[in-house]
Amino acid sequence: MTTRKKKRFIAGATCPKCHAQDTMMLFLENNVEKVECVACSYQMVQPQEQIVKAGRKSEQVIGVFKPE
């Protein structure tokens, strides 16, 4: 089951597929940011590298291994 909450439209945004303006909405689905065009249903998902960067902030380094 997927849950969608608080859909927000992005003012001035243009869909990369159909080029319609002011049709892009931002929402969270299963803790992943998604953007969808309400005109043509084109979807974009938050890039994986941004998700990884967000997770790295809370990690701690215990030691550094330097083979010689």
PDB file of N, CA and C in Angstrom:
ATOM      1  N   MET A   1       0.839  -1.182   0.000  1.00  0.00           N
ATOM      2  CA  MET A   1       0.000   0.000   0.000  1.00  0.00           C
ATOM      3  C   MET A   1       0.879   1.240   0.000  1.00  0.00           C
ATOM      4  N   THR A   2       0.637   2.164  -0.919  1.00  0.00           N
ATOM      5  CA  THR A   2       1.404   3.403  -0.965  1.00  0.00           C
ATOM      6  C   THR A   2       0.584   4.519  -0.347  1.00  0.00           C
ATOM      7  N   THR A   3       1.276   5.442   0.280  1.00  0.00           N
ATOM      8  CA  THR A   3       0.594   6.568   0.884  1.00  0.00           C
ATOM      9  C   THR A   3       1.137   7.852   0.288  1.00  0.00           C
ATOM     10  N   ARG A   4       0.239   8.726  -0.106  1.00  0.00           N
ATOM     11  CA  ARG A   4       0.604  10.037  -0.635  1.00  0.00           C
ATOM     12  C   ARG A   4       0.040  11.077   0.305  1.00  0.00           C
ATOM     13  N   LYS A   5       0.864  12.052   0.653  1.00  0.00           N
ATOM     14  CA  LYS A   5       0.404  13.111   1.537  1.00  0.00           C
ATOM     15  C   LYS A   5       0.886  14.450   1.020  1.00  0.00           C
ATOM     16  N   LYS A   6       0.113  15.485   1.256  1.00  0.00           N
ATOM     17  CA  LYS A   6       0.462  16.861   0.958  1.00  0.00           C
ATOM     18  C   LYS A   6       1.079  17.060  -0.424  1.00  0.00           C
ATOM     19  N   LYS A   7       0.248  17.073  -1.419  1.00  0.00           N
ATOM     20  CA  LYS A   7       0.700  17.363  -2.775  1.00  0.00           C
ATOM     21  C   LYS A   7       0.847  18.879  -2.892  1.00  0.00           C
ATOM     22  N   ARG A   8       2.013  19.314  -3.366  1.00  0.00           N
ATOM     23  CA  ARG A   8       2.264  20.750  -3.516  1.00  0.00           C
ATOM     24  C   ARG A   8       2.631  21.029  -4.963  1.00  0.00           C
ATOM     25  N   PHE A   9       2.031  22.047  -5.548  1.00  0.00           N
ATOM     26  CA  PHE A   9       2.380  22.424  -6.911  1.00  0.00           C
ATOM     27  C   PHE A   9       3.608  23.319  -6.888  1.00  0.00           C
ATOM     28  N   ILE A  10       4.445  23.181  -7.920  1.00  0.00           N
ATOM     29  CA  ILE A  10       5.676  23.947  -8.029  1.00  0.00           C
ATOM     30  C   ILE A  10       5.409  25.083  -9.011  1.00  0.00           C
ATOM     31  N   ALA A  11       5.330  26.311  -8.509  1.00  0.00           N
ATOM     32  CA  ALA A  11       5.005  27.477  -9.327  1.00  0.00           C
ATOM     33  C   ALA A  11       6.073  27.723 -10.379  1.00  0.00           C
ATOM     34  N   GLY A  12       5.638  27.869 -11.620  1.00  0.00           N
ATOM     35  CA  GLY A  12       6.537  28.192 -12.721  1.00  0.00           C
ATOM     36  C   GLY A  12       7.282  27.008 -13.298  1.00  0.00           C
ATOM     37  N   ALA A  13       7.105  25.821 -12.728  1.00  0.00           N
ATOM     38  CA  ALA A  13       7.811  24.631 -13.222  1.00  0.00           C
ATOM     39  C   ALA A  13       7.196  24.166 -14.544  1.00  0.00           C
ATOM     40  N   THR A  14       8.060  23.682 -15.438  1.00  0.00           N
ATOM     41  CA  THR A  14       7.624  23.191 -16.742  1.00  0.00           C
ATOM     42  C   THR A  14       7.939  21.703 -16.842  1.00  0.00           C
ATOM     43  N   CYS A  15       6.994  20.923 -17.305  1.00  0.00           N
ATOM     44  CA  CYS A  15       7.176  19.477 -17.462  1.00  0.00           C
ATOM     45  C   CYS A  15       8.199  19.210 -18.568  1.00  0.00           C
ATOM     46  N   PRO A  16       9.219  18.378 -18.294  1.00  0.00           N
ATOM     47  CA  PRO A  16      10.212  18.075 -19.320  1.00  0.00           C
ATOM     48  C   PRO A  16       9.663  17.223 -20.475  1.00  0.00           C
ATOM     49  N   LYS A  17       8.524  16.569 -20.267  1.00  0.00           N
ATOM     50  CA  LYS A  17       7.959  15.708 -21.312  1.00  0.00           C
ATOM     51  C   LYS A  17       6.963  16.459 -22.203  1.00  0.00           C
ATOM     52  N   CYS A  18       5.930  17.047 -21.589  1.00  0.00           N
ATOM     53  CA  CYS A  18       4.882  17.698 -22.391  1.00  0.00           C
ATOM     54  C   CYS A  18       5.034  19.221 -22.452  1.00  0.00           C
ATOM     55  N   HIS A  19       5.970  19.779 -21.704  1.00  0.00           N
ATOM     56  CA  HIS A  19       6.290  21.211 -21.678  1.00  0.00           C
ATOM     57  C   HIS A  19       5.153  22.092 -21.162  1.00  0.00           C
ATOM     58  N   ALA A  20       4.191  21.507 -20.460  1.00  0.00           N
ATOM     59  CA  ALA A  20       3.120  22.286 -19.846  1.00  0.00           C
ATOM     60  C   ALA A  20       3.678  22.988 -18.613  1.00  0.00           C
ATOM     61  N   GLN A  21       3.241  24.222 -18.389  1.00  0.00           N
ATOM     62  CA  GLN A  21       3.741  24.988 -17.249  1.00  0.00           C
ATOM     63  C   GLN A  21       2.717  24.957 -16.113  1.00  0.00           C
ATOM     64  N   ASP A  22       3.224  24.992 -14.892  1.00  0.00           N
ATOM     65  CA  ASP A  22       2.403  24.981 -13.665  1.00  0.00           C
ATOM     66  C   ASP A  22       1.557  23.719 -13.525  1.00  0.00           C
ATOM     67  N   THR A  23       2.081  22.579 -13.973  1.00  0.00           N
ATOM     68  CA  THR A  23       1.353  21.317 -13.832  1.00  0.00           C
ATOM     69  C   THR A  23       2.127  20.305 -12.994  1.00  0.00           C
ATOM     70  N   MET A  24       3.281  20.710 -12.456  1.00  0.00           N
ATOM     71  CA  MET A  24       4.132  19.800 -11.693  1.00  0.00           C
ATOM     72  C   MET A  24       3.773  19.854 -10.214  1.00  0.00           C
ATOM     73  N   MET A  25       3.532  18.675  -9.618  1.00  0.00           N
ATOM     74  CA  MET A  25       3.241  18.615  -8.183  1.00  0.00           C
ATOM     75  C   MET A  25       4.297  17.764  -7.491  1.00  0.00           C
ATOM     76  N   LEU A  26       4.645  18.150  -6.280  1.00  0.00           N
ATOM     77  CA  LEU A  26       5.651  17.472  -5.471  1.00  0.00           C
ATOM     78  C   LEU A  26       4.931  16.765  -4.331  1.00  0.00           C
ATOM     79  N   PHE A  27       5.328  15.510  -4.064  1.00  0.00           N
ATOM     80  CA  PHE A  27       4.726  14.773  -2.957  1.00  0.00           C
ATOM     81  C   PHE A  27       5.710  13.730  -2.456  1.00  0.00           C
ATOM     82  N   LEU A  28       5.454  13.226  -1.256  1.00  0.00           N
ATOM     83  CA  LEU A  28       6.250  12.150  -0.669  1.00  0.00           C
ATOM     84  C   LEU A  28       5.481  10.853  -0.802  1.00  0.00           C
ATOM     85  N   GLU A  29       6.150   9.815  -1.300  1.00  0.00           N
ATOM     86  CA  GLU A  29       5.534   8.494  -1.413  1.00  0.00           C
ATOM     87  C   GLU A  29       6.529   7.486  -0.865  1.00  0.00           C
ATOM     88  N   ASN A  30       6.158   6.834   0.236  1.00  0.00           N
ATOM     89  CA  ASN A  30       7.048   5.875   0.913  1.00  0.00           C
ATOM     90  C   ASN A  30       8.400   6.507   1.259  1.00  0.00           C
ATOM     91  N   ASN A  31       8.362   7.721   1.776  1.00  0.00           N
ATOM     92  CA  ASN A  31       9.543   8.492   2.181  1.00  0.00           C
ATOM     93  C   ASN A  31      10.485   8.829   1.031  1.00  0.00           C
ATOM     94  N   VAL A  32       9.992   8.852  -0.198  1.00  0.00           N
ATOM     95  CA  VAL A  32      10.775   9.240  -1.368  1.00  0.00           C
ATOM     96  C   VAL A  32      10.074  10.418  -2.026  1.00  0.00           C
ATOM     97  N   GLU A  33      10.833  11.517  -2.285  1.00  0.00           N
ATOM     98  CA  GLU A  33      10.261  12.683  -2.950  1.00  0.00           C
ATOM     99  C   GLU A  33      10.012  12.364  -4.418  1.00  0.00           C
ATOM    100  N   LYS A  34       8.814  12.681  -4.875  1.00  0.00           N
ATOM    101  CA  LYS A  34       8.462  12.470  -6.275  1.00  0.00           C
ATOM    102  C   LYS A  34       7.821  13.730  -6.823  1.00  0.00           C
ATOM    103  N   VAL A  35       8.005  13.946  -8.129  1.00  0.00           N
ATOM    104  CA  VAL A  35       7.376  15.059  -8.832  1.00  0.00           C
ATOM    105  C   VAL A  35       6.600  14.447  -9.981  1.00  0.00           C
ATOM    106  N   GLU A  36       5.351  14.887 -10.138  1.00  0.00           N
ATOM    107  CA  GLU A  36       4.505  14.327 -11.194  1.00  0.00           C
ATOM    108  C   GLU A  36       3.786  15.441 -11.928  1.00  0.00           C
ATOM    109  N   CYS A  37       3.678  15.297 -13.238  1.00  0.00           N
ATOM    110  CA  CYS A  37       2.927  16.240 -14.059  1.00  0.00           C
ATOM    111  C   CYS A  37       1.467  15.786 -14.074  1.00  0.00           C
ATOM    112  N   VAL A  38       0.549  16.683 -13.726  1.00  0.00           N
ATOM    113  CA  VAL A  38      -0.869  16.314 -13.701  1.00  0.00           C
ATOM    114  C   VAL A  38      -1.462  16.296 -15.112  1.00  0.00           C
ATOM    115  N   ALA A  39      -0.750  16.864 -16.087  1.00  0.00           N
ATOM    116  CA  ALA A  39      -1.247  16.878 -17.463  1.00  0.00           C
ATOM    117  C   ALA A  39      -0.945  15.572 -18.195  1.00  0.00           C
ATOM    118  N   CYS A  40       0.302  15.058 -18.045  1.00  0.00           N
ATOM    119  CA  CYS A  40       0.684  13.865 -18.826  1.00  0.00           C
ATOM    120  C   CYS A  40       1.137  12.689 -17.952  1.00  0.00           C
ATOM    121  N   SER A  41       1.105  12.835 -16.631  1.00  0.00           N
ATOM    122  CA  SER A  41       1.475  11.795 -15.661  1.00  0.00           C
ATOM    123  C   SER A  41       2.965  11.437 -15.652  1.00  0.00           C
ATOM    124  N   TYR A  42       3.821  12.279 -16.242  1.00  0.00           N
ATOM    125  CA  TYR A  42       5.271  12.064 -16.202  1.00  0.00           C
ATOM    126  C   TYR A  42       5.739  12.172 -14.756  1.00  0.00           C
ATOM    127  N   GLN A  43       6.605  11.252 -14.313  1.00  0.00           N
ATOM    128  CA  GLN A  43       7.106  11.263 -12.933  1.00  0.00           C
ATOM    129  C   GLN A  43       8.616  11.326 -12.891  1.00  0.00           C
ATOM    130  N   MET A  44       9.122  12.029 -11.898  1.00  0.00           N
ATOM    131  CA  MET A  44      10.546  12.062 -11.599  1.00  0.00           C
ATOM    132  C   MET A  44      10.704  11.679 -10.138  1.00  0.00           C
ATOM    133  N   VAL A  45      11.758  10.928  -9.836  1.00  0.00           N
ATOM    134  CA  VAL A  45      12.028  10.483  -8.476  1.00  0.00           C
ATOM    135  C   VAL A  45      13.337  11.093  -8.027  1.00  0.00           C
ATOM    136  N   GLN A  46      13.442  11.370  -6.724  1.00  0.00           N
ATOM    137  CA  GLN A  46      14.665  11.928  -6.164  1.00  0.00           C
ATOM    138  C   GLN A  46      15.848  11.036  -6.541  1.00  0.00           C
ATOM    139  N   PRO A  47      16.922  11.613  -7.100  1.00  0.00           N
ATOM    140  CA  PRO A  47      18.083  10.800  -7.482  1.00  0.00           C
ATOM    141  C   PRO A  47      18.683  10.050  -6.294  1.00  0.00           C
ATOM    142  N   GLN A  48      19.145   8.829  -6.539  1.00  0.00           N
ATOM    143  CA  GLN A  48      19.730   7.987  -5.494  1.00  0.00           C
ATOM    144  C   GLN A  48      20.888   8.667  -4.787  1.00  0.00           C
ATOM    145  N   GLU A  49      21.755   9.411  -5.509  1.00  0.00           N
ATOM    146  CA  GLU A  49      22.922  10.029  -4.878  1.00  0.00           C
ATOM    147  C   GLU A  49      22.516  11.032  -3.808  1.00  0.00           C
ATOM    148  N   GLN A  50      21.382  11.732  -3.996  1.00  0.00           N
ATOM    149  CA  GLN A  50      20.912  12.663  -2.979  1.00  0.00           C
ATOM    150  C   GLN A  50      20.416  11.911  -1.749  1.00  0.00           C
ATOM    151  N   ILE A  51      19.820  10.755  -1.954  1.00  0.00           N
ATOM    152  CA  ILE A  51      19.364   9.941  -0.827  1.00  0.00           C
ATOM    153  C   ILE A  51      20.566   9.453  -0.023  1.00  0.00           C
ATOM    154  N   VAL A  52      21.604   8.999  -0.721  1.00  0.00           N
ATOM    155  CA  VAL A  52      22.812   8.516  -0.061  1.00  0.00           C
ATOM    156  C   VAL A  52      23.486   9.639   0.722  1.00  0.00           C
ATOM    157  N   LYS A  53      23.581  10.836   0.132  1.00  0.00           N
ATOM    158  CA  LYS A  53      24.194  11.980   0.817  1.00  0.00           C
ATOM    159  C   LYS A  53      23.434  12.313   2.092  1.00  0.00           C
ATOM    160  N   ALA A  54      22.120  12.254   2.047  1.00  0.00           N
ATOM    161  CA  ALA A  54      21.309  12.569   3.223  1.00  0.00           C
ATOM    162  C   ALA A  54      21.568  11.568   4.338  1.00  0.00           C
ATOM    163  N   GLY A  55      21.779  10.317   4.001  1.00  0.00           N
ATOM    164  CA  GLY A  55      22.045   9.280   4.995  1.00  0.00           C
ATOM    165  C   GLY A  55      23.433   9.365   5.573  1.00  0.00           C
ATOM    166  N   ARG A  56      24.384   9.866   4.856  1.00  0.00           N
ATOM    167  CA  ARG A  56      25.778   9.937   5.301  1.00  0.00           C
ATOM    168  C   ARG A  56      25.997  10.953   6.419  1.00  0.00           C
ATOM    169  N   LYS A  57      25.144  11.939   6.560  1.00  0.00           N
ATOM    170  CA  LYS A  57      25.329  12.975   7.573  1.00  0.00           C
ATOM    171  C   LYS A  57      25.341  12.412   8.992  1.00  0.00           C
ATOM    172  N   SER A  58      24.589  11.363   9.222  1.00  0.00           N
ATOM    173  CA  SER A  58      24.469  10.831  10.575  1.00  0.00           C
ATOM    174  C   SER A  58      25.507   9.759  10.893  1.00  0.00           C
ATOM    175  N   GLU A  59      26.327   9.378   9.900  1.00  0.00           N
ATOM    176  CA  GLU A  59      27.329   8.345  10.133  1.00  0.00           C
ATOM    177  C   GLU A  59      28.550   8.917  10.836  1.00  0.00           C
ATOM    178  N   GLN A  60      29.248   8.072  11.582  1.00  0.00           N
ATOM    179  CA  GLN A  60      30.453   8.483  12.274  1.00  0.00           C
ATOM    180  C   GLN A  60      31.610   7.600  11.823  1.00  0.00           C
ATOM    181  N   VAL A  61      32.789   8.211  11.671  1.00  0.00           N
ATOM    182  CA  VAL A  61      33.982   7.466  11.287  1.00  0.00           C
ATOM    183  C   VAL A  61      34.670   6.980  12.547  1.00  0.00           C
ATOM    184  N   ILE A  62      34.936   5.677  12.616  1.00  0.00           N
ATOM    185  CA  ILE A  62      35.605   5.100  13.776  1.00  0.00           C
ATOM    186  C   ILE A  62      37.113   5.152  13.573  1.00  0.00           C
ATOM    187  N   GLY A  63      37.569   4.853  12.383  1.00  0.00           N
ATOM    188  CA  GLY A  63      39.001   4.884  12.089  1.00  0.00           C
ATOM    189  C   GLY A  63      39.225   4.820  10.588  1.00  0.00           C
ATOM    190  N   VAL A  64      40.434   5.115  10.164  1.00  0.00           N
ATOM    191  CA  VAL A  64      40.767   5.078   8.756  1.00  0.00           C
ATOM    192  C   VAL A  64      41.844   4.041   8.536  1.00  0.00           C
ATOM    193  N   PHE A  65      41.603   3.113   7.614  1.00  0.00           N
ATOM    194  CA  PHE A  65      42.564   2.059   7.311  1.00  0.00           C
ATOM    195  C   PHE A  65      43.396   2.485   6.106  1.00  0.00           C
ATOM    196  N   LYS A  66      44.724   2.528   6.284  1.00  0.00           N
ATOM    197  CA  LYS A  66      45.609   2.910   5.176  1.00  0.00           C
ATOM    198  C   LYS A  66      46.624   1.783   4.951  1.00  0.00           C
ATOM    199  N   PRO A  67      46.357   0.914   3.970  1.00  0.00           N
ATOM    200  CA  PRO A  67      47.315  -0.164   3.690  1.00  0.00           C
ATOM    201  C   PRO A  67      48.593   0.410   3.082  1.00  0.00           C
ATOM    202  N   GLU A  68      49.731  -0.160   3.466  1.00  0.00           N
ATOM    203  CA  GLU A  68      51.012   0.348   2.960  1.00  0.00           C
ATOM    204  C   GLU A  68      51.686  -0.627   2.062  1.00  0.00           C
TER     205      GLU A  68
END
